Amino acid sequence: MTGISILVIAKIFALIGLGIYIIFALVIVRQVNLMVATIEVGFEFFIKIIAWAHLIFAIFVFITALLIL
């Protein structure tokens, strides 16, 4: 059987979903920066580090999936 298999379609949807998750992680970084500019609680740096680490990890997972799938 030739053509597009269900496995290829599943891989494409997984990569699209991970791409959307990267966009979500970018929104989180933006929202954290806006929150830190508005509210001062004393541990803004730690919150920013967590948001950026989340974005970096999301990009890492996307690249890993791109290479593996």
N, C-alpha and C. Protein backbone atom coordinates (compact mmCIF):
# COMPACT_ATOMS: atom_id res chain seq x y z
N MET A 1 0.84 -1.18 0.00
CA MET A 1 0.00 0.00 0.00
C MET A 1 0.89 1.25 0.00
N THR A 2 0.65 2.15 -0.90
CA THR A 2 1.43 3.38 -1.00
C THR A 2 0.59 4.55 -0.53
N GLY A 3 1.25 5.65 -0.30
CA GLY A 3 0.54 6.85 0.13
C GLY A 3 0.87 7.19 1.57
N ILE A 4 0.03 7.99 2.13
CA ILE A 4 0.24 8.46 3.50
C ILE A 4 -0.40 7.48 4.47
N SER A 5 0.40 7.02 5.41
CA SER A 5 -0.12 6.08 6.40
C SER A 5 -0.63 6.85 7.63
N ILE A 6 -1.32 6.13 8.46
CA ILE A 6 -1.85 6.73 9.69
C ILE A 6 -0.71 7.14 10.62
N LEU A 7 0.39 6.40 10.60
CA LEU A 7 1.53 6.73 11.44
C LEU A 7 2.14 8.07 11.05
N VAL A 8 2.24 8.36 9.76
CA VAL A 8 2.77 9.64 9.30
C VAL A 8 1.85 10.77 9.72
N ILE A 9 0.56 10.57 9.61
CA ILE A 9 -0.41 11.59 10.03
C ILE A 9 -0.30 11.84 11.53
N ALA A 10 -0.14 10.78 12.32
CA ALA A 10 0.02 10.93 13.77
C ALA A 10 1.28 11.70 14.11
N LYS A 11 2.37 11.46 13.40
CA LYS A 11 3.62 12.18 13.63
C LYS A 11 3.45 13.66 13.31
N ILE A 12 2.78 13.95 12.21
CA ILE A 12 2.55 15.34 11.83
C ILE A 12 1.71 16.05 12.88
N PHE A 13 0.65 15.41 13.35
CA PHE A 13 -0.19 16.01 14.39
C PHE A 13 0.57 16.20 15.69
N ALA A 14 1.46 15.27 16.02
CA ALA A 14 2.27 15.41 17.24
C ALA A 14 3.18 16.62 17.12
N LEU A 15 3.81 16.80 15.97
CA LEU A 15 4.70 17.95 15.77
C LEU A 15 3.91 19.26 15.77
N ILE A 16 2.73 19.26 15.19
CA ILE A 16 1.89 20.46 15.21
C ILE A 16 1.49 20.79 16.65
N GLY A 17 1.12 19.77 17.41
CA GLY A 17 0.76 19.98 18.81
C GLY A 17 1.93 20.53 19.62
N LEU A 18 3.12 20.02 19.39
CA LEU A 18 4.29 20.53 20.10
C LEU A 18 4.62 21.96 19.66
N GLY A 19 4.38 22.28 18.40
CA GLY A 19 4.57 23.65 17.94
C GLY A 19 3.61 24.61 18.62
N ILE A 20 2.37 24.19 18.77
CA ILE A 20 1.39 25.01 19.49
C ILE A 20 1.79 25.16 20.95
N TYR A 21 2.38 24.11 21.53
CA TYR A 21 2.82 24.19 22.91
C TYR A 21 3.97 25.19 23.07
N ILE A 22 4.83 25.31 22.07
CA ILE A 22 5.89 26.32 22.11
C ILE A 22 5.28 27.72 22.12
N ILE A 23 4.24 27.93 21.32
CA ILE A 23 3.55 29.21 21.32
C ILE A 23 2.96 29.48 22.71
N PHE A 24 2.38 28.47 23.33
CA PHE A 24 1.85 28.58 24.69
C PHE A 24 2.95 28.96 25.67
N ALA A 25 4.12 28.35 25.53
CA ALA A 25 5.24 28.66 26.42
C ALA A 25 5.71 30.10 26.22
N LEU A 26 5.68 30.59 24.99
CA LEU A 26 6.01 31.99 24.73
C LEU A 26 5.01 32.93 25.40
N VAL A 27 3.74 32.56 25.36
CA VAL A 27 2.71 33.37 26.02
C VAL A 27 2.95 33.38 27.53
N ILE A 28 3.35 32.25 28.09
CA ILE A 28 3.64 32.19 29.53
C ILE A 28 4.78 33.14 29.88
N VAL A 29 5.84 33.15 29.07
CA VAL A 29 6.97 34.05 29.33
C VAL A 29 6.51 35.50 29.28
N ARG A 30 5.70 35.84 28.31
CA ARG A 30 5.20 37.21 28.18
C ARG A 30 4.32 37.57 29.38
N GLN A 31 3.44 36.67 29.77
CA GLN A 31 2.56 36.95 30.91
C GLN A 31 3.34 37.09 32.21
N VAL A 32 4.36 36.28 32.39
CA VAL A 32 5.18 36.38 33.59
C VAL A 32 5.91 37.72 33.62
N ASN A 33 6.43 38.16 32.47
CA ASN A 33 7.10 39.45 32.43
C ASN A 33 6.13 40.59 32.75
N LEU A 34 4.91 40.51 32.24
CA LEU A 34 3.91 41.53 32.57
C LEU A 34 3.54 41.48 34.05
N MET A 35 3.40 40.29 34.59
CA MET A 35 3.05 40.14 36.01
C MET A 35 4.15 40.71 36.90
N VAL A 36 5.40 40.40 36.56
CA VAL A 36 6.53 40.88 37.36
C VAL A 36 6.61 42.40 37.30
N ALA A 37 6.29 42.99 36.16
CA ALA A 37 6.31 44.44 36.05
C ALA A 37 5.19 45.09 36.86
N THR A 38 4.12 44.35 37.11
CA THR A 38 2.97 44.89 37.82
C THR A 38 3.05 44.66 39.31
N ILE A 39 3.42 43.47 39.71
CA ILE A 39 3.39 43.08 41.13
C ILE A 39 4.80 42.77 41.59
N GLU A 40 5.17 43.30 42.73
CA GLU A 40 6.47 43.02 43.31
C GLU A 40 6.28 42.18 44.57
N VAL A 41 6.78 40.94 44.53
CA VAL A 41 6.62 40.04 45.67
C VAL A 41 7.96 39.59 46.25
N GLY A 42 9.06 39.89 45.58
CA GLY A 42 10.36 39.56 46.13
C GLY A 42 11.08 38.40 45.46
N PHE A 43 10.39 37.57 44.73
CA PHE A 43 11.05 36.45 44.05
C PHE A 43 10.73 36.45 42.56
N GLU A 44 10.76 37.65 41.96
CA GLU A 44 10.47 37.79 40.53
C GLU A 44 11.49 37.06 39.66
N PHE A 45 12.75 37.13 40.06
CA PHE A 45 13.80 36.49 39.27
C PHE A 45 13.58 34.99 39.17
N PHE A 46 13.21 34.37 40.28
CA PHE A 46 12.95 32.93 40.29
C PHE A 46 11.77 32.56 39.38
N ILE A 47 10.74 33.38 39.39
CA ILE A 47 9.57 33.12 38.53
C ILE A 47 9.96 33.26 37.06
N LYS A 48 10.78 34.27 36.74
CA LYS A 48 11.23 34.44 35.36
C LYS A 48 12.08 33.26 34.90
N ILE A 49 12.94 32.77 35.78
CA ILE A 49 13.79 31.63 35.45
C ILE A 49 12.94 30.40 35.14
N ILE A 50 11.90 30.17 35.93
CA ILE A 50 11.02 29.02 35.69
C ILE A 50 10.31 29.16 34.34
N ALA A 51 9.83 30.35 34.02
CA ALA A 51 9.13 30.56 32.75
C ALA A 51 10.07 30.34 31.57
N TRP A 52 11.29 30.88 31.66
CA TRP A 52 12.25 30.69 30.57
C TRP A 52 12.71 29.24 30.46
N ALA A 53 12.88 28.56 31.60
CA ALA A 53 13.26 27.14 31.57
C ALA A 53 12.15 26.32 30.90
N HIS A 54 10.90 26.68 31.17
CA HIS A 54 9.76 26.00 30.55
C HIS A 54 9.80 26.17 29.04
N LEU A 55 10.07 27.38 28.58
CA LEU A 55 10.16 27.63 27.14
C LEU A 55 11.31 26.85 26.51
N ILE A 56 12.47 26.88 27.14
CA ILE A 56 13.63 26.15 26.61
C ILE A 56 13.35 24.66 26.55
N PHE A 57 12.72 24.13 27.60
CA PHE A 57 12.39 22.70 27.61
C PHE A 57 11.39 22.36 26.51
N ALA A 58 10.40 23.23 26.27
CA ALA A 58 9.42 23.00 25.21
C ALA A 58 10.10 22.97 23.84
N ILE A 59 11.05 23.88 23.62
CA ILE A 59 11.78 23.89 22.35
C ILE A 59 12.64 22.64 22.22
N PHE A 60 13.27 22.23 23.32
CA PHE A 60 14.09 21.02 23.32
C PHE A 60 13.25 19.79 22.97
N VAL A 61 12.06 19.69 23.56
CA VAL A 61 11.18 18.55 23.28
C VAL A 61 10.76 18.55 21.81
N PHE A 62 10.46 19.74 21.27
CA PHE A 62 10.06 19.83 19.86
C PHE A 62 11.20 19.38 18.95
N ILE A 63 12.40 19.85 19.21
CA ILE A 63 13.55 19.47 18.37
C ILE A 63 13.83 17.97 18.50
N THR A 64 13.74 17.45 19.72
CA THR A 64 13.94 16.02 19.92
C THR A 64 12.89 15.21 19.16
N ALA A 65 11.64 15.63 19.23
CA ALA A 65 10.58 14.92 18.50
C ALA A 65 10.80 15.03 17.00
N LEU A 66 11.27 16.17 16.56
CA LEU A 66 11.53 16.36 15.13
C LEU A 66 12.62 15.39 14.65
N LEU A 67 13.63 15.18 15.47
CA LEU A 67 14.71 14.27 15.10
C LEU A 67 14.30 12.80 15.23
N ILE A 68 13.52 12.49 16.24
CA ILE A 68 13.14 11.10 16.48
C ILE A 68 12.01 10.66 15.53
N LEU A 69 11.00 11.51 15.41
CA LEU A 69 9.87 11.12 14.57
C LEU A 69 10.27 11.31 13.12
